[in-house]
Amino acid sequence: MRYMTWRAAAGRIAILAFFAPCVHADATDDYLRAEMAARRIPGLAVAVVRGDRIDRLATFGFADVENRVPVTDSSIFAIASLDKELTAAGVLKAQERGKLRLDEPVSKYLPPSLPFSGITIRQLLSHTSGLADSLAPIDSERSFISYTTDQLLEAIHPPIEPPGSGFLYSDDGMFLSQYATERAVGEPWWTFMRRELFEPAGMKSVVSMNPRALIPGRVSPYELNPEGQLIRDTRLEFDFGPLYTDLGMTIADFARWTMVLDGKGPLTPQIVAAMTTPSRLADGTPFSEVFSWTRYGLGIGIEDILGERVITHSGHSGVGFVKLPGRGLTVVVFTNLANSAGSDAVGLALGVAGMLEERVALRGMPAARAPDEKLAASLRGDFELWAGGKPELLHYVRGLRSTVWTSTADFAGRIHNLGPLKSFEFLREQRLDGERALWFRARYADASFYLRYSIDGEGLISRLGWWHL
């Protein structure tokens, strides 16, 4: 029997009691049920896209735990940061219409009093603007129950590093991109997006998750407290205006969006290529993020999983997707447990994708003897320091250090739900962008993480990706 505390066991029994009947019980359903129990996810929907059709859609658990309302195919989930790719697509549609240009300064479209000179729209969309995440803390340090767009503009701090000099994940850039799009096209962002993207893609359910609005099928959001108990996530109970308030939609509509990312319908192949080409810094060098993707395009994550190109992203509310363009396969997973609490929807989507496409089947990789046992032992030490919130930054290349440091806080939210670390297994080695890349599996008592470390010529860690499968 797997290790768990009494409280964890009680929590899992309660979560298992939430499950409503699901569609097509099979191995993927068994996997998702088991992971929902382990991660304490109240409700979940999964969509599998093959080519230009939704091949399968299944729902599990409860959209509203208190009232025992099940997740259905009409449930409206908040998509959080999955809207970043929609925002980027909107900017590129505005550029296609001759209304703005990616490489012009965003200050052209902002009030002159704002200190954002020298920042381009491209840098906003690729998180290389130098802007910190000023807006995200408002969620937990708010002074009002509602905010206007002007109040949010005033809340954004000046850049903390020169534009184009490094990667800083920032909601501020996406909000400013939406604002610039609205100003450039001369109409509300929602009007433009509905006409240019949502309606042509067949996305009929898209709404603003305004807390005052009556939205049939609205899914209740949850998180875990420090003891691992399920509680309500209050992030969506405040109104952040027409631009920064989360978008909501059904999983089927987001699945339709992923079909558009094949360069069909409202998005031309040129727009998709612009979104899914890894961005670079001002000096032309690539940059990395430490997460379930290590390269970033415009509003979207880019990854290489065992030689297979993957397009991906997640959202705070517990949603995510993985798309394998070369295989015509996409898996979308929506949950109502915060990503930071360990729902890790991208990992779940990758787990399902691996059951459908052997080339990305991380869970099936057997443990092996490390070709360099000293390096493997060193990387285990680095993992334990990083997971414990105290990374040894000198073991990473300089350009990765700030991202490594900020990524520890995100991982920390999962620690209480994992149990002790049981093993750190070497799996395989691959070449990635000319460097050694080593795969490991960190087995905790109640979870498994898959990690890939890239090592440069000087023996420093140059890339780190992790997936909770």
Protein backbone atom coordinates (compact mmCIF):
# COMPACT_ATOMS: atom_id res chain seq x y z
CA MET A 1 0.00 0.00 0.00
CA ARG A 2 1.28 3.45 -0.90
CA TYR A 3 2.26 5.69 1.98
CA MET A 4 -0.27 8.34 3.01
CA THR A 5 -1.17 10.17 6.18
CA TRP A 6 -4.60 9.57 7.73
CA ARG A 7 -5.65 13.04 6.59
CA ALA A 8 -4.55 12.31 3.04
CA ALA A 9 -6.39 9.00 3.07
CA ALA A 10 -9.57 10.67 4.32
CA GLY A 11 -9.24 13.36 1.65
CA ARG A 12 -8.91 10.75 -1.08
CA ILE A 13 -11.92 8.82 0.09
CA ALA A 14 -13.89 12.07 -0.02
CA ILE A 15 -12.67 12.90 -3.51
CA LEU A 16 -13.50 9.42 -4.77
CA ALA A 17 -17.04 9.94 -3.49
CA PHE A 18 -17.34 12.99 -5.78
CA PHE A 19 -17.11 10.99 -9.02
CA ALA A 20 -20.12 11.09 -11.29
CA PRO A 21 -20.64 8.50 -14.06
CA CYS A 22 -18.17 8.98 -16.93
CA VAL A 23 -18.15 8.12 -20.60
CA HIS A 24 -16.26 5.16 -22.09
CA ALA A 25 -14.48 3.55 -19.14
CA ASP A 26 -11.06 2.41 -20.40
CA ALA A 27 -7.40 2.65 -19.48
CA THR A 28 -7.27 6.44 -19.85
CA ASP A 29 -10.30 6.78 -17.58
CA ASP A 30 -8.66 4.53 -14.99
CA TYR A 31 -5.51 6.66 -15.17
CA LEU A 32 -7.43 9.91 -14.75
CA ARG A 33 -9.56 8.55 -11.90
CA ALA A 34 -6.46 7.41 -10.03
CA GLU A 35 -4.71 10.75 -10.53
CA MET A 36 -7.79 12.73 -9.54
CA ALA A 37 -7.84 10.85 -6.26
CA ALA A 38 -4.10 11.27 -5.72
CA ARG A 39 -4.14 14.99 -6.55
CA ARG A 40 -7.54 15.62 -4.87
CA ILE A 41 -9.10 17.06 -8.01
CA PRO A 42 -12.86 17.56 -7.58
CA GLY A 43 -13.85 17.69 -11.27
CA LEU A 44 -12.21 17.08 -14.64
CA ALA A 45 -12.98 17.02 -18.34
CA VAL A 46 -10.75 15.55 -21.06
CA ALA A 47 -10.93 15.96 -24.83
CA VAL A 48 -8.89 14.04 -27.39
CA VAL A 49 -8.54 15.67 -30.81
CA ARG A 50 -7.46 13.70 -33.86
CA GLY A 51 -6.86 15.88 -36.88
CA ASP A 52 -9.91 18.06 -37.41
CA ARG A 53 -12.34 16.26 -35.10
CA ILE A 54 -12.94 15.74 -31.40
CA ASP A 55 -12.36 12.01 -31.15
CA ARG A 56 -13.38 11.67 -27.52
CA LEU A 57 -14.74 13.77 -24.67
CA ALA A 58 -15.25 12.50 -21.13
CA THR A 59 -16.17 14.15 -17.84
CA PHE A 60 -15.54 13.15 -14.23
CA GLY A 61 -16.41 14.38 -10.77
CA PHE A 62 -18.03 17.58 -9.65
CA ALA A 63 -18.09 21.09 -11.05
CA ASP A 64 -19.50 22.28 -7.73
CA VAL A 65 -18.62 20.16 -4.72
CA GLU A 66 -20.94 21.88 -2.25
CA ASN A 67 -24.03 21.35 -4.40
CA ARG A 68 -22.87 18.08 -5.98
CA VAL A 69 -23.24 19.41 -9.52
CA PRO A 70 -21.38 17.09 -11.93
CA VAL A 71 -19.00 18.19 -14.66
CA THR A 72 -20.71 17.90 -18.06
CA ASP A 73 -19.78 18.71 -21.63
CA SER A 74 -21.48 22.11 -21.16
CA SER A 75 -19.52 23.06 -18.02
CA ILE A 76 -17.81 26.45 -18.33
CA PHE A 77 -14.24 26.38 -16.99
CA ALA A 78 -12.07 29.45 -16.37
CA ILE A 79 -9.06 29.00 -18.68
CA ALA A 80 -6.69 31.44 -16.92
CA SER A 81 -3.36 31.65 -18.80
CA LEU A 82 -4.59 29.54 -21.71
CA ASP A 83 -5.88 32.90 -22.93
CA LYS A 84 -2.31 34.00 -23.60
CA GLU A 85 -2.24 32.21 -26.94
CA LEU A 86 -5.64 33.70 -27.78
CA THR A 87 -4.27 37.13 -26.94
CA ALA A 88 -1.25 36.52 -29.16
CA ALA A 89 -3.45 35.31 -31.99
CA GLY A 90 -5.55 38.46 -31.65
CA VAL A 91 -2.46 40.64 -31.96
CA LEU A 92 -1.35 38.73 -35.06
CA LYS A 93 -4.83 39.07 -36.60
CA ALA A 94 -4.63 42.83 -35.97
CA GLN A 95 -1.23 42.84 -37.67
CA GLU A 96 -2.70 40.87 -40.58
CA ARG A 97 -5.34 43.59 -40.88
CA GLY A 98 -2.63 46.27 -40.98
CA LYS A 99 -3.63 47.75 -37.61
CA LEU A 100 -0.34 47.27 -35.71
CA ARG A 101 3.07 45.63 -35.96
CA LEU A 102 4.69 43.16 -33.56
CA ASP A 103 8.00 45.00 -33.47
CA GLU A 104 6.71 48.49 -32.86
CA PRO A 105 6.76 50.00 -29.35
CA VAL A 106 3.67 49.30 -27.31
CA SER A 107 3.88 52.86 -25.97
CA LYS A 108 2.30 53.95 -29.27
CA TYR A 109 -0.99 52.60 -27.94
CA LEU A 110 -0.69 53.49 -24.25
CA PRO A 111 -1.32 56.66 -22.26
CA PRO A 112 1.88 58.78 -22.44
CA SER A 113 2.23 58.84 -18.66
CA LEU A 114 3.05 55.10 -18.49
CA PRO A 115 6.78 54.21 -18.24
CA PHE A 116 6.98 51.52 -20.93
CA SER A 117 9.11 53.10 -23.64
CA GLY A 118 11.41 50.72 -25.51
CA ILE A 119 9.17 47.68 -25.06
CA THR A 120 7.80 46.06 -28.21
CA ILE A 121 4.55 44.13 -28.53
CA ARG A 122 6.57 41.04 -29.47
CA GLN A 123 8.45 41.29 -26.18
CA LEU A 124 5.17 41.51 -24.27
CA LEU A 125 3.89 38.31 -25.89
CA SER A 126 7.14 36.40 -25.32
CA HIS A 127 7.64 37.49 -21.69
CA THR A 128 10.90 39.28 -22.55
CA SER A 129 9.69 42.83 -21.85
CA GLY A 130 11.46 43.12 -18.49
CA LEU A 131 8.11 43.64 -16.76
CA ALA A 132 7.62 41.76 -13.52
CA ASP A 133 4.29 40.14 -12.69
CA SER A 134 2.71 43.22 -11.09
CA LEU A 135 -0.90 42.26 -11.79
CA ALA A 136 -0.86 38.65 -10.57
CA PRO A 137 -0.25 39.63 -6.89
CA ILE A 138 -3.42 41.74 -7.02
CA ASP A 139 -5.28 38.42 -6.82
CA SER A 140 -4.12 37.96 -3.23
CA GLU A 141 -3.34 41.55 -2.18
CA ARG A 142 -6.40 43.28 -3.58
CA SER A 143 -7.76 46.53 -2.21
CA PHE A 144 -11.05 46.57 -4.15
CA ILE A 145 -13.76 44.13 -5.14
CA SER A 146 -13.51 45.37 -8.73
CA TYR A 147 -10.91 47.10 -10.88
CA THR A 148 -11.17 49.24 -13.98
CA THR A 149 -8.77 48.94 -16.88
CA ASP A 150 -7.25 52.30 -15.92
CA GLN A 151 -6.64 51.09 -12.35
CA LEU A 152 -4.84 48.02 -13.69
CA LEU A 153 -2.69 50.16 -15.99
CA GLU A 154 -1.65 52.23 -12.98
CA ALA A 155 -0.80 49.05 -11.01
CA ILE A 156 1.85 47.90 -13.50
CA HIS A 157 5.37 48.67 -12.34
CA PRO A 158 8.19 49.84 -14.63
CA PRO A 159 10.49 47.14 -16.10
CA ILE A 160 12.91 45.62 -13.60
CA GLU A 161 15.41 44.69 -16.33
CA PRO A 162 16.13 46.01 -19.83
CA PRO A 163 13.59 44.87 -22.44
CA GLY A 164 14.84 41.88 -24.40
CA SER A 165 17.56 40.96 -21.89
CA GLY A 166 15.85 38.01 -20.18
CA PHE A 167 12.72 35.94 -19.61
CA LEU A 168 10.22 37.02 -16.93
CA TYR A 169 6.80 35.38 -17.04
CA SER A 170 4.36 38.24 -16.65
CA ASP A 171 0.61 38.71 -16.91
CA ASP A 172 1.33 42.42 -17.35
CA GLY A 173 2.59 41.89 -20.89
CA MET A 174 -0.52 40.03 -21.98
CA PHE A 175 -2.84 42.63 -20.47
CA LEU A 176 -0.93 45.42 -22.24
CA SER A 177 -1.09 43.42 -25.49
CA GLN A 178 -4.87 43.19 -25.17
CA TYR A 179 -5.07 46.91 -24.45
CA ALA A 180 -2.86 47.74 -27.45
CA THR A 181 -4.97 45.51 -29.71
CA GLU A 182 -8.13 47.26 -28.58
CA ARG A 183 -6.64 50.69 -29.24
CA ALA A 184 -5.18 49.67 -32.60
CA VAL A 185 -8.36 48.13 -34.04
CA GLY A 186 -10.60 50.88 -32.67
CA GLU A 187 -13.19 48.61 -31.05
CA PRO A 188 -13.56 46.58 -27.84
CA TRP A 189 -11.21 43.60 -27.59
CA TRP A 190 -14.16 41.23 -27.13
CA THR A 191 -15.92 42.50 -30.27
CA PHE A 192 -12.76 42.08 -32.34
CA MET A 193 -11.95 38.63 -30.95
CA ARG A 194 -15.46 37.26 -31.41
CA ARG A 195 -15.58 38.33 -35.05
CA GLU A 196 -12.00 37.47 -36.00
CA LEU A 197 -11.35 34.30 -33.95
CA PHE A 198 -14.04 32.84 -31.73
CA GLU A 199 -16.94 32.72 -34.20
CA PRO A 200 -14.88 31.50 -37.20
CA ALA A 201 -13.43 28.75 -34.99
CA GLY A 202 -16.89 27.63 -33.86
CA MET A 203 -16.24 28.64 -30.25
CA LYS A 204 -19.76 29.60 -29.19
CA SER A 205 -19.45 29.28 -25.41
CA VAL A 206 -16.64 31.81 -24.79
CA VAL A 207 -17.52 34.26 -22.00
CA SER A 208 -15.86 36.63 -19.58
CA MET A 209 -15.90 35.04 -16.11
CA ASN A 210 -17.24 38.23 -14.55
CA PRO A 211 -18.15 37.26 -10.97
CA ARG A 212 -21.38 39.27 -11.14
CA ALA A 213 -22.61 37.62 -14.33
CA LEU A 214 -25.02 34.68 -14.32
CA ILE A 215 -23.19 32.03 -16.33
CA PRO A 216 -25.02 28.72 -16.76
CA GLY A 217 -22.64 25.84 -16.17
CA ARG A 218 -20.00 27.94 -14.39
CA VAL A 219 -17.50 25.62 -12.68
CA SER A 220 -16.52 26.39 -9.09
CA PRO A 221 -12.74 26.76 -8.54
CA TYR A 222 -10.84 25.09 -5.69
CA GLU A 223 -7.39 24.94 -4.14
CA LEU A 224 -5.77 23.13 -1.21
CA ASN A 225 -4.88 24.67 2.14
CA PRO A 226 -1.47 23.95 3.76
CA GLU A 227 -2.92 20.80 5.35
CA GLY A 228 -3.98 19.50 1.94
CA GLN A 229 -7.71 20.07 2.50
CA LEU A 230 -9.94 21.19 -0.35
CA ILE A 231 -11.07 24.83 -0.09
CA ARG A 232 -12.58 27.37 -2.45
CA ASP A 233 -10.25 29.42 -4.65
CA THR A 234 -11.39 33.03 -4.25
CA ARG A 235 -9.30 34.37 -7.14
CA LEU A 236 -12.30 34.53 -9.46
CA GLU A 237 -14.59 36.29 -7.00
CA PHE A 238 -13.28 39.72 -7.97
CA ASP A 239 -13.87 41.70 -11.15
CA PHE A 240 -10.69 42.68 -12.99
CA GLY A 241 -12.39 44.42 -15.87
CA PRO A 242 -13.09 43.39 -19.48
CA LEU A 243 -9.47 42.51 -20.32
CA TYR A 244 -7.84 40.90 -17.26
CA THR A 245 -10.85 38.91 -16.02
CA ASP A 246 -10.47 35.24 -17.01
CA LEU A 247 -12.05 33.85 -20.15
CA GLY A 248 -14.34 30.86 -19.72
CA MET A 249 -15.49 28.16 -22.15
CA THR A 250 -16.37 24.52 -22.52
CA ILE A 251 -13.62 22.00 -23.08
CA ALA A 252 -15.07 21.26 -26.52
CA ASP A 253 -14.63 24.88 -27.56
CA PHE A 254 -11.03 24.93 -26.42
CA ALA A 255 -10.51 21.67 -28.33
CA ARG A 256 -11.83 23.50 -31.41
CA TRP A 257 -9.28 26.21 -30.75
CA THR A 258 -6.46 23.65 -30.83
CA MET A 259 -7.64 22.58 -34.31
CA VAL A 260 -7.21 26.18 -35.46
CA LEU A 261 -3.56 25.91 -34.37
CA ASP A 262 -3.05 23.67 -37.40
CA GLY A 263 -3.18 26.83 -39.50
CA LYS A 264 -6.81 26.40 -40.52
CA GLY A 265 -9.91 28.57 -40.24
CA PRO A 266 -9.15 32.04 -38.87
CA LEU A 267 -5.41 31.41 -38.36
CA THR A 268 -3.14 31.26 -41.39
CA PRO A 269 -0.08 29.00 -41.37
CA GLN A 270 2.01 32.18 -41.13
CA ILE A 271 0.29 33.25 -37.91
CA VAL A 272 0.68 29.79 -36.37
CA ALA A 273 4.36 29.73 -37.36
CA ALA A 274 4.89 33.11 -35.70
CA MET A 275 3.22 31.88 -32.50
CA THR A 276 5.05 28.54 -32.33
CA THR A 277 8.60 29.58 -33.25
CA PRO A 278 10.83 29.82 -30.14
CA SER A 279 11.42 33.45 -29.23
CA ARG A 280 14.88 34.90 -28.68
CA LEU A 281 16.35 37.70 -26.64
CA ALA A 282 17.46 40.98 -28.17
CA ASP A 283 20.97 39.61 -28.77
CA GLY A 284 19.58 36.61 -30.65
CA THR A 285 20.17 34.00 -27.95
CA PRO A 286 17.43 31.53 -26.94
CA PHE A 287 16.02 31.50 -23.42
CA SER A 288 14.43 28.84 -21.24
CA GLU A 289 11.61 28.56 -18.75
CA VAL A 290 11.66 26.01 -15.91
CA PHE A 291 8.27 24.38 -16.17
CA SER A 292 6.39 21.85 -18.31
CA TRP A 293 7.80 23.64 -21.35
CA THR A 294 11.26 25.13 -21.69
CA ARG A 295 10.90 27.25 -24.83
CA TYR A 296 8.32 29.94 -25.47
CA GLY A 297 6.84 31.40 -28.62
CA LEU A 298 4.17 34.10 -28.59
CA GLY A 299 1.71 33.23 -25.83
CA ILE A 300 2.44 29.51 -26.06
CA GLY A 301 4.94 26.96 -24.76
CA ILE A 302 7.14 24.84 -27.04
CA GLU A 303 8.81 21.58 -26.11
CA ASP A 304 10.65 18.55 -27.40
CA ILE A 305 9.56 15.32 -25.70
CA LEU A 306 11.89 12.47 -26.68
CA GLY A 307 12.32 13.97 -30.13
CA GLU A 308 8.63 14.79 -30.64
CA ARG A 309 7.67 18.44 -31.07
CA VAL A 310 5.01 19.51 -28.58
CA ILE A 311 2.96 22.72 -28.33
CA THR A 312 1.53 23.29 -24.86
CA HIS A 313 0.37 25.64 -22.12
CA SER A 314 -1.39 25.59 -18.79
CA GLY A 315 -3.51 27.94 -16.70
CA HIS A 316 -3.63 28.71 -12.98
CA SER A 317 -7.18 27.40 -12.67
CA GLY A 318 -6.01 23.83 -13.38
CA VAL A 319 -6.30 23.60 -17.16
CA GLY A 320 -3.84 22.65 -19.88
CA PHE A 321 -3.21 20.91 -23.17
CA VAL A 322 -0.52 19.20 -25.21
CA LYS A 323 -0.53 19.17 -29.01
CA LEU A 324 1.67 16.90 -31.13
CA PRO A 325 1.56 18.60 -34.55
CA GLY A 326 3.51 15.81 -36.23
CA ARG A 327 1.04 13.16 -35.01
CA GLY A 328 -2.24 15.00 -35.46
CA LEU A 329 -2.99 14.45 -31.77
CA THR A 330 -4.07 16.91 -29.06
CA VAL A 331 -5.17 16.19 -25.51
CA VAL A 332 -6.93 18.89 -23.46
CA VAL A 333 -7.51 18.50 -19.72
CA PHE A 334 -9.62 20.93 -17.71
CA THR A 335 -9.86 20.62 -13.91
CA ASN A 336 -11.20 22.89 -11.18
CA LEU A 337 -8.24 22.53 -8.81
CA ALA A 338 -5.58 25.24 -9.02
CA ASN A 339 -2.47 24.24 -10.94
CA SER A 340 -0.29 25.45 -8.06
CA ALA A 341 -2.07 22.95 -5.78
CA GLY A 342 -0.82 20.11 -7.98
CA SER A 343 -3.57 19.47 -10.52
CA ASP A 344 -0.89 19.88 -13.24
CA ALA A 345 -3.25 19.49 -16.19
CA VAL A 346 -0.41 19.55 -18.72
CA GLY A 347 1.11 16.51 -17.03
CA LEU A 348 -2.25 14.72 -17.11
CA ALA A 349 -2.69 15.61 -20.78
CA LEU A 350 0.81 14.31 -21.54
CA GLY A 351 0.06 11.15 -19.57
CA VAL A 352 -3.03 10.51 -21.72
CA ALA A 353 -1.13 11.41 -24.90
CA GLY A 354 1.51 8.84 -23.97
CA MET A 355 -1.18 6.16 -23.73
CA LEU A 356 -2.30 7.05 -27.26
CA GLU A 357 1.10 7.73 -28.85
CA GLU A 358 4.04 5.60 -27.74
CA ARG A 359 6.64 8.17 -28.80
CA VAL A 360 5.76 10.39 -25.81
CA ALA A 361 5.02 7.61 -23.31
CA LEU A 362 7.12 8.87 -20.41
CA ARG A 363 5.36 6.64 -17.89
CA GLY A 364 6.47 3.55 -19.79
CA MET A 365 10.20 4.35 -19.68
CA PRO A 366 12.09 1.75 -17.61
CA ALA A 367 14.77 2.74 -15.13
CA ALA A 368 18.32 2.22 -16.40
CA ARG A 369 21.87 2.47 -15.17
CA ALA A 370 23.17 6.02 -15.53
CA PRO A 371 26.18 6.28 -17.88
CA ASP A 372 27.66 8.88 -15.52
CA GLU A 373 26.68 7.93 -11.98
CA LYS A 374 28.50 10.88 -10.46
CA LEU A 375 26.52 13.31 -12.62
CA ALA A 376 23.26 11.48 -11.84
CA ALA A 377 23.96 11.73 -8.10
CA SER A 378 24.77 15.42 -8.47
CA LEU A 379 21.51 16.07 -10.35
CA ARG A 380 19.54 14.26 -7.66
CA GLY A 381 21.07 16.64 -5.14
CA ASP A 382 20.17 19.59 -7.34
CA PHE A 383 16.61 18.32 -7.64
CA GLU A 384 16.18 17.95 -3.89
CA LEU A 385 17.54 21.45 -3.28
CA TRP A 386 15.28 22.92 -5.96
CA ALA A 387 12.19 21.02 -4.77
CA GLY A 388 12.94 22.17 -1.23
CA GLY A 389 13.03 25.81 -2.32
CA LYS A 390 16.81 26.28 -1.97
CA PRO A 391 18.38 25.71 -5.40
CA GLU A 392 22.15 25.95 -5.78
CA LEU A 393 22.05 28.66 -8.43
CA LEU A 394 25.74 28.37 -9.32
CA HIS A 395 24.99 24.94 -10.78
CA TYR A 396 22.86 26.60 -13.51
CA VAL A 397 23.88 28.76 -16.44
CA ARG A 398 23.58 32.45 -15.67
CA GLY A 399 20.60 33.07 -17.95
CA LEU A 400 18.54 30.38 -16.19
CA ARG A 401 19.14 31.37 -12.57
CA SER A 402 16.32 33.85 -12.06
CA THR A 403 13.83 31.47 -13.66
CA VAL A 404 15.09 28.59 -11.51
CA TRP A 405 14.63 30.69 -8.40
CA THR A 406 11.07 31.80 -9.21
CA SER A 407 10.07 28.26 -10.25
CA THR A 408 10.74 26.89 -6.76
CA ALA A 409 7.78 28.79 -5.31
CA ASP A 410 5.44 27.24 -7.86
CA PHE A 411 6.65 23.72 -7.09
CA ALA A 412 6.40 24.29 -3.33
CA GLY A 413 2.60 24.18 -3.45
CA ARG A 414 2.75 20.49 -4.28
CA ILE A 415 5.12 19.32 -1.52
CA HIS A 416 2.44 18.64 1.11
CA ASN A 417 0.66 16.29 -1.28
CA LEU A 418 3.59 14.08 -2.30
CA GLY A 419 4.82 12.10 0.69
CA PRO A 420 8.56 11.32 0.99
CA LEU A 421 10.90 11.02 -2.00
CA LYS A 422 11.40 7.28 -2.55
CA SER A 423 13.76 7.19 -5.53
CA PHE A 424 15.38 9.25 -8.25
CA GLU A 425 15.77 6.98 -11.28
CA PHE A 426 17.80 7.60 -14.42
CA LEU A 427 15.73 6.78 -17.51
CA ARG A 428 17.57 7.72 -20.69
CA GLU A 429 19.76 10.29 -22.44
CA GLN A 430 19.07 12.24 -25.60
CA ARG A 431 20.67 15.06 -27.57
CA LEU A 432 18.72 18.30 -27.38
CA ASP A 433 19.91 21.40 -29.23
CA GLY A 434 23.43 19.96 -29.32
CA GLU A 435 23.63 19.26 -25.59
CA ARG A 436 23.30 16.21 -23.38
CA ALA A 437 19.79 15.87 -21.97
CA LEU A 438 19.19 13.36 -19.17
CA TRP A 439 15.77 12.08 -18.15
CA PHE A 440 14.94 11.08 -14.56
CA ARG A 441 11.88 9.95 -12.66
CA ALA A 442 11.43 11.29 -9.13
CA ARG A 443 9.17 8.84 -7.32
CA TYR A 444 7.47 10.23 -4.27
CA ALA A 445 5.20 8.10 -2.14
CA ASP A 446 2.12 9.63 -3.76
CA ALA A 447 3.29 11.07 -7.08
CA SER A 448 5.84 10.72 -9.88
CA PHE A 449 7.62 13.57 -11.65
CA TYR A 450 9.59 13.27 -14.87
CA LEU A 451 12.53 15.64 -15.23
CA ARG A 452 14.88 16.47 -18.06
CA TYR A 453 18.18 18.21 -17.40
CA SER A 454 20.27 19.65 -20.23
CA ILE A 455 23.99 20.00 -19.48
CA ASP A 456 26.22 22.47 -21.32
CA GLY A 457 29.88 22.06 -22.21
CA GLU A 458 31.00 23.41 -18.85
CA GLY A 459 28.85 20.98 -16.89
CA LEU A 460 26.19 23.53 -15.90
CA ILE A 461 22.45 22.93 -16.13
CA SER A 462 21.21 24.87 -19.14
CA ARG A 463 17.58 23.64 -19.27
CA LEU A 464 15.19 22.02 -16.81
CA GLY A 465 11.75 20.73 -17.64
CA TRP A 466 9.42 18.81 -15.35
CA TRP A 467 6.14 16.97 -15.79
CA HIS A 468 3.80 15.58 -13.14
CA LEU A 469 2.35 12.43 -14.67
